[in-house]
Every structure is written in C-alpha cells, then in structure tokens.
PDB file of N, CA and C in Angstrom:
ATOM      1  N   MET A   1     128.228  47.418  93.375  1.00  0.00           N
ATOM      2  CA  MET A   1     126.924  47.881  92.905  1.00  0.00           C
ATOM      3  C   MET A   1     126.956  48.151  91.408  1.00  0.00           C
ATOM      4  N   ASN A   2     128.028  48.779  90.938  1.00  0.00           N
ATOM      5  CA  ASN A   2     128.130  49.116  89.533  1.00  0.00           C
ATOM      6  C   ASN A   2     128.195  47.853  88.676  1.00  0.00           C
ATOM      7  N   LYS A   3     128.968  46.861  89.129  1.00  0.00           N
ATOM      8  CA  LYS A   3     129.094  45.613  88.382  1.00  0.00           C
ATOM      9  C   LYS A   3     127.767  44.863  88.359  1.00  0.00           C
ATOM     10  N   THR A   4     127.032  44.907  89.446  1.00  0.00           N
ATOM     11  CA  THR A   4     125.724  44.254  89.505  1.00  0.00           C
ATOM     12  C   THR A   4     124.750  44.910  88.538  1.00  0.00           C
ATOM     13  N   LEU A   5     124.765  46.222  88.478  1.00  0.00           N
ATOM     14  CA  LEU A   5     123.879  46.941  87.569  1.00  0.00           C
ATOM     15  C   LEU A   5     124.202  46.627  86.114  1.00  0.00           C
ATOM     16  N   ILE A   6     125.480  46.605  85.775  1.00  0.00           N
ATOM     17  CA  ILE A   6     125.883  46.301  84.400  1.00  0.00           C
ATOM     18  C   ILE A   6     125.500  44.876  84.032  1.00  0.00           C
ATOM     19  N   THR A   7     125.700  43.939  84.961  1.00  0.00           N
ATOM     20  CA  THR A   7     125.339  42.548  84.697  1.00  0.00           C
ATOM     21  C   THR A   7     123.839  42.400  84.495  1.00  0.00           C
ATOM     22  N   THR A   8     123.058  43.086  85.299  1.00  0.00           N
ATOM     23  CA  THR A   8     121.603  43.020  85.159  1.00  0.00           C
ATOM     24  C   THR A   8     121.155  43.604  83.825  1.00  0.00           C
ATOM     25  N   LEU A   9     121.722  44.736  83.438  1.00  0.00           N
ATOM     26  CA  LEU A   9     121.359  45.342  82.155  1.00  0.00           C
ATOM     27  C   LEU A   9     121.759  44.456  80.982  1.00  0.00           C
ATOM     28  N   MET A  10     122.943  43.869  81.032  1.00  0.00           N
ATOM     29  CA  MET A  10     123.381  42.992  79.949  1.00  0.00           C
ATOM     30  C   MET A  10     122.468  41.768  79.837  1.00  0.00           C
ATOM     31  N   PHE A  11     122.058  41.193  80.964  1.00  0.00           N
ATOM     32  CA  PHE A  11     121.144  40.064  80.931  1.00  0.00           C
ATOM     33  C   PHE A  11     119.805  40.470  80.319  1.00  0.00           C
ATOM     34  N   ALA A  12     119.305  41.640  80.684  1.00  0.00           N
ATOM     35  CA  ALA A  12     118.031  42.106  80.134  1.00  0.00           C
ATOM     36  C   ALA A  12     118.138  42.342  78.631  1.00  0.00           C
ATOM     37  N   PHE A  13     119.243  42.940  78.184  1.00  0.00           N
ATOM     38  CA  PHE A  13     119.424  43.179  76.752  1.00  0.00           C
ATOM     39  C   PHE A  13     119.571  41.870  75.980  1.00  0.00           C
ATOM     40  N   LEU A  14     120.285  40.901  76.543  1.00  0.00           N
ATOM     41  CA  LEU A  14     120.416  39.608  75.878  1.00  0.00           C
ATOM     42  C   LEU A  14     119.079  38.876  75.810  1.00  0.00           C
ATOM     43  N   LEU A  15     118.292  38.971  76.876  1.00  0.00           N
ATOM     44  CA  LEU A  15     116.976  38.358  76.863  1.00  0.00           C
ATOM     45  C   LEU A  15     116.069  39.019  75.819  1.00  0.00           C
ATOM     46  N   LEU A  16     116.129  40.332  75.733  1.00  0.00           N
ATOM     47  CA  LEU A  16     115.353  41.029  74.708  1.00  0.00           C
ATOM     48  C   LEU A  16     115.838  40.674  73.309  1.00  0.00           C
ATOM     49  N   PHE A  17     117.137  40.463  73.148  1.00  0.00           N
ATOM     50  CA  PHE A  17     117.683  40.114  71.840  1.00  0.00           C
ATOM     51  C   PHE A  17     117.196  38.739  71.393  1.00  0.00           C
ATOM     52  N   ILE A  18     117.040  37.822  72.337  1.00  0.00           N
ATOM     53  CA  ILE A  18     116.523  36.495  71.992  1.00  0.00           C
ATOM     54  C   ILE A  18     115.051  36.597  71.587  1.00  0.00           C
ATOM     55  N   ILE A  19     114.286  37.389  72.327  1.00  0.00           N
ATOM     56  CA  ILE A  19     112.848  37.507  72.055  1.00  0.00           C
ATOM     57  C   ILE A  19     112.597  38.327  70.793  1.00  0.00           C
ATOM     58  N   SER A  20     113.210  39.498  70.730  1.00  0.00           N
ATOM     59  CA  SER A  20     112.991  40.385  69.587  1.00  0.00           C
ATOM     60  C   SER A  20     114.237  41.246  69.383  1.00  0.00           C
ATOM     61  N   PRO A  21     114.972  41.019  68.302  1.00  0.00           N
ATOM     62  CA  PRO A  21     116.231  41.747  68.097  1.00  0.00           C
ATOM     63  C   PRO A  21     116.071  43.270  68.041  1.00  0.00           C
ATOM     64  N   PHE A  22     115.003  43.735  67.422  1.00  0.00           N
ATOM     65  CA  PHE A  22     114.845  45.176  67.285  1.00  0.00           C
ATOM     66  C   PHE A  22     114.447  45.848  68.592  1.00  0.00           C
ATOM     67  N   ALA A  23     113.824  45.099  69.510  1.00  0.00           N
ATOM     68  CA  ALA A  23     113.495  45.658  70.821  1.00  0.00           C
ATOM     69  C   ALA A  23     114.772  45.961  71.595  1.00  0.00           C
ATOM     70  N   THR A  24     115.778  45.094  71.451  1.00  0.00           N
ATOM     71  CA  THR A  24     117.054  45.338  72.115  1.00  0.00           C
ATOM     72  C   THR A  24     117.716  46.591  71.571  1.00  0.00           C
ATOM     73  N   LEU A  25     117.704  46.739  70.258  1.00  0.00           N
ATOM     74  CA  LEU A  25     118.318  47.933  69.673  1.00  0.00           C
ATOM     75  C   LEU A  25     117.584  49.199  70.092  1.00  0.00           C
ATOM     76  N   ALA A  26     116.271  49.128  70.175  1.00  0.00           N
ATOM     77  CA  ALA A  26     115.499  50.293  70.598  1.00  0.00           C
ATOM     78  C   ALA A  26     115.802  50.646  72.053  1.00  0.00           C
ATOM     79  N   SER A  27     115.925  49.628  72.915  1.00  0.00           N
ATOM     80  CA  SER A  27     116.222  49.918  74.318  1.00  0.00           C
ATOM     81  C   SER A  27     117.643  50.450  74.474  1.00  0.00           C
ATOM     82  N   LEU A  28     118.579  49.960  73.676  1.00  0.00           N
ATOM     83  CA  LEU A  28     119.937  50.505  73.726  1.00  0.00           C
ATOM     84  C   LEU A  28     119.971  51.953  73.264  1.00  0.00           C
ATOM     85  N   MET A  29     119.197  52.279  72.250  1.00  0.00           N
ATOM     86  CA  MET A  29     119.159  53.662  71.785  1.00  0.00           C
ATOM     87  C   MET A  29     118.509  54.574  72.824  1.00  0.00           C
ATOM     88  N   LEU A  30     117.498  54.082  73.524  1.00  0.00           N
ATOM     89  CA  LEU A  30     116.905  54.876  74.609  1.00  0.00           C
ATOM     90  C   LEU A  30     117.897  55.076  75.745  1.00  0.00           C
ATOM     91  N   LEU A  31     118.691  54.055  76.033  1.00  0.00           N
ATOM     92  CA  LEU A  31     119.719  54.178  77.057  1.00  0.00           C
ATOM     93  C   LEU A  31     120.770  55.214  76.655  1.00  0.00           C
ATOM     94  N   LEU A  32     121.188  55.180  75.399  1.00  0.00           N
ATOM     95  CA  LEU A  32     122.151  56.171  74.909  1.00  0.00           C
ATOM     96  C   LEU A  32     121.559  57.577  74.916  1.00  0.00           C
ATOM     97  N   LEU A  33     120.290  57.694  74.572  1.00  0.00           N
ATOM     98  CA  LEU A  33     119.626  58.996  74.591  1.00  0.00           C
ATOM     99  C   LEU A  33     119.563  59.558  76.010  1.00  0.00           C
ATOM    100  N   GLY A  34     119.249  58.704  76.980  1.00  0.00           N
ATOM    101  CA  GLY A  34     119.212  59.139  78.369  1.00  0.00           C
ATOM    102  C   GLY A  34     120.587  59.570  78.863  1.00  0.00           C
ATOM    103  N   ALA A  35     121.625  58.798  78.507  1.00  0.00           N
ATOM    104  CA  ALA A  35     122.983  59.153  78.921  1.00  0.00           C
ATOM    105  C   ALA A  35     123.415  60.483  78.295  1.00  0.00           C
ATOM    106  N   ALA A  36     123.104  60.667  77.023  1.00  0.00           N
ATOM    107  CA  ALA A  36     123.460  61.920  76.356  1.00  0.00           C
ATOM    108  C   ALA A  36     122.739  63.099  76.995  1.00  0.00           C
ATOM    109  N   PHE A  37     121.486  62.897  77.398  1.00  0.00           N
ATOM    110  CA  PHE A  37     120.723  63.961  78.042  1.00  0.00           C
ATOM    111  C   PHE A  37     121.352  64.356  79.373  1.00  0.00           C
ATOM    112  N   PHE A  38     121.777  63.352  80.159  1.00  0.00           N
ATOM    113  CA  PHE A  38     122.398  63.655  81.447  1.00  0.00           C
ATOM    114  C   PHE A  38     123.759  64.335  81.275  1.00  0.00           C
ATOM    115  N   PHE A  39     124.529  63.925  80.262  1.00  0.00           N
ATOM    116  CA  PHE A  39     125.797  64.599  79.990  1.00  0.00           C
ATOM    117  C   PHE A  39     125.564  66.045  79.561  1.00  0.00           C
ATOM    118  N   LEU A  40     124.520  66.268  78.753  1.00  0.00           N
ATOM    119  CA  LEU A  40     124.186  67.627  78.322  1.00  0.00           C
ATOM    120  C   LEU A  40     123.791  68.495  79.509  1.00  0.00           C
ATOM    121  N   LEU A  41     122.950  67.949  80.405  1.00  0.00           N
ATOM    122  CA  LEU A  41     122.563  68.710  81.595  1.00  0.00           C
ATOM    123  C   LEU A  41     123.776  69.022  82.471  1.00  0.00           C
ATOM    124  N   GLY A  42     124.682  68.055  82.606  1.00  0.00           N
ATOM    125  CA  GLY A  42     125.889  68.274  83.397  1.00  0.00           C
ATOM    126  C   GLY A  42     126.764  69.364  82.817  1.00  0.00           C
ATOM    127  N   ASN A  43     126.911  69.377  81.499  1.00  0.00           N
ATOM    128  CA  ASN A  43     127.736  70.402  80.857  1.00  0.00           C
ATOM    129  C   ASN A  43     127.094  71.781  80.961  1.00  0.00           C
ATOM    130  N   ILE A  44     125.791  71.852  80.804  1.00  0.00           N
ATOM    131  CA  ILE A  44     125.100  73.140  80.935  1.00  0.00           C
ATOM    132  C   ILE A  44     125.203  73.643  82.367  1.00  0.00           C
ATOM    133  N   PHE A  45     124.999  72.746  83.334  1.00  0.00           N
ATOM    134  CA  PHE A  45     125.110  73.126  84.741  1.00  0.00           C
ATOM    135  C   PHE A  45     126.522  73.606  85.068  1.00  0.00           C
ATOM    136  N   GLN A  46     127.524  72.922  84.535  1.00  0.00           N
ATOM    137  CA  GLN A  46     128.912  73.324  84.779  1.00  0.00           C
ATOM    138  C   GLN A  46     129.225  74.669  84.121  1.00  0.00           C
ATOM    139  N   ALA A  47     128.651  74.922  82.959  1.00  0.00           N
ATOM    140  CA  ALA A  47     128.886  76.188  82.278  1.00  0.00           C
ATOM    141  C   ALA A  47     128.224  77.352  83.019  1.00  0.00           C
ATOM    142  N   ILE A  48     127.065  77.114  83.607  1.00  0.00           N
ATOM    143  CA  ILE A  48     126.357  78.183  84.317  1.00  0.00           C
ATOM    144  C   ILE A  48     126.988  78.437  85.686  1.00  0.00           C
ATOM    145  N   ILE A  49     127.264  77.385  86.430  1.00  0.00           N
ATOM    146  CA  ILE A  49     127.718  77.527  87.809  1.00  0.00           C
ATOM    147  C   ILE A  49     129.194  77.894  87.912  1.00  0.00           C
ATOM    148  N   GLY A  50     130.044  77.138  87.252  1.00  0.00           N
ATOM    149  CA  GLY A  50     131.467  77.343  87.448  1.00  0.00           C
ATOM    150  C   GLY A  50     132.220  77.479  86.141  1.00  0.00           C
ATOM    151  N   SER A  51     133.504  77.773  86.291  1.00  0.00           N
ATOM    152  CA  SER A  51     134.366  77.863  85.116  1.00  0.00           C
ATOM    153  C   SER A  51     135.476  76.834  85.279  1.00  0.00           C
ATOM    154  N   SER A  52     136.184  76.562  84.195  1.00  0.00           N
ATOM    155  CA  SER A  52     137.274  75.581  84.266  1.00  0.00           C
ATOM    156  C   SER A  52     138.491  76.209  84.938  1.00  0.00           C
ATOM    157  N   ASP A  53     139.439  75.372  85.348  1.00  0.00           N
ATOM    158  CA  ASP A  53     140.629  75.861  86.036  1.00  0.00           C
ATOM    159  C   ASP A  53     141.515  76.689  85.136  1.00  0.00           C
ATOM    160  N   THR A  54     141.555  76.400  83.852  1.00  0.00           N
ATOM    161  CA  THR A  54     142.408  77.161  82.950  1.00  0.00           C
ATOM    162  C   THR A  54     141.890  78.577  82.758  1.00  0.00           C
ATOM    163  N   ASP A  55     140.568  78.763  82.823  1.00  0.00           N
ATOM    164  CA  ASP A  55     140.021  80.108  82.696  1.00  0.00           C
ATOM    165  C   ASP A  55     140.345  80.969  83.919  1.00  0.00           C
ATOM    166  N   SER A  56     140.319  80.376  85.088  1.00  0.00           N
ATOM    167  CA  SER A  56     140.528  81.165  86.294  1.00  0.00           C
ATOM    168  C   SER A  56     142.011  81.421  86.553  1.00  0.00           C
ATOM    169  N   ASN A  57     142.904  80.630  85.953  1.00  0.00           N
ATOM    170  CA  ASN A  57     144.337  80.800  86.161  1.00  0.00           C
ATOM    171  C   ASN A  57     145.001  81.675  85.127  1.00  0.00           C
ATOM    172  N   SER A  58     144.273  82.116  84.118  1.00  0.00           N
ATOM    173  CA  SER A  58     144.893  82.933  83.073  1.00  0.00           C
ATOM    174  C   SER A  58     145.137  84.355  83.601  1.00  0.00           C
ATOM    175  N   SER A  59     146.276  84.925  83.202  1.00  0.00           N
ATOM    176  CA  SER A  59     146.662  86.251  83.701  1.00  0.00           C
ATOM    177  C   SER A  59     146.257  87.346  82.718  1.00  0.00           C
ATOM    178  N   GLY A  60     145.673  86.969  81.588  1.00  0.00           N
ATOM    179  CA  GLY A  60     145.380  87.922  80.549  1.00  0.00           C
ATOM    180  C   GLY A  60     144.176  88.718  80.803  1.00  0.00           C
TER     181      GLY A  60
END
C-alpha cells in the first residue's frame, strides 16, 4: 500500500511538472506543510499525554 501511494504521488507530481513547473513546487510545499503539521501535533500530543523513557527512569 505504501509503495502504491508513493508511486501515485510521484506520477502526479511528474505530470504537474510537465504541465506547470511551479504547480509541482507548490503542491510539494503543501505536502511538506501537511507533514510538518502532523509531526507537530504528534509531538504536542506526546508531550501532553506521556513522558519519554529516560525521564521516568531517572533516580534524581
């Protein structure tokens, strides 16, 4: 499934690059923005809900 998704996205980006080069760059930047947003939400959720293993194992 993951390989199929990557192949489909690469085909779409290549097709956009042939039609309009800047449209491809804009869609890649939107993809990066979405990924960064999900990583940020994951880190905030992890900070609120749980702690790392090194924090819970410290004896200090």
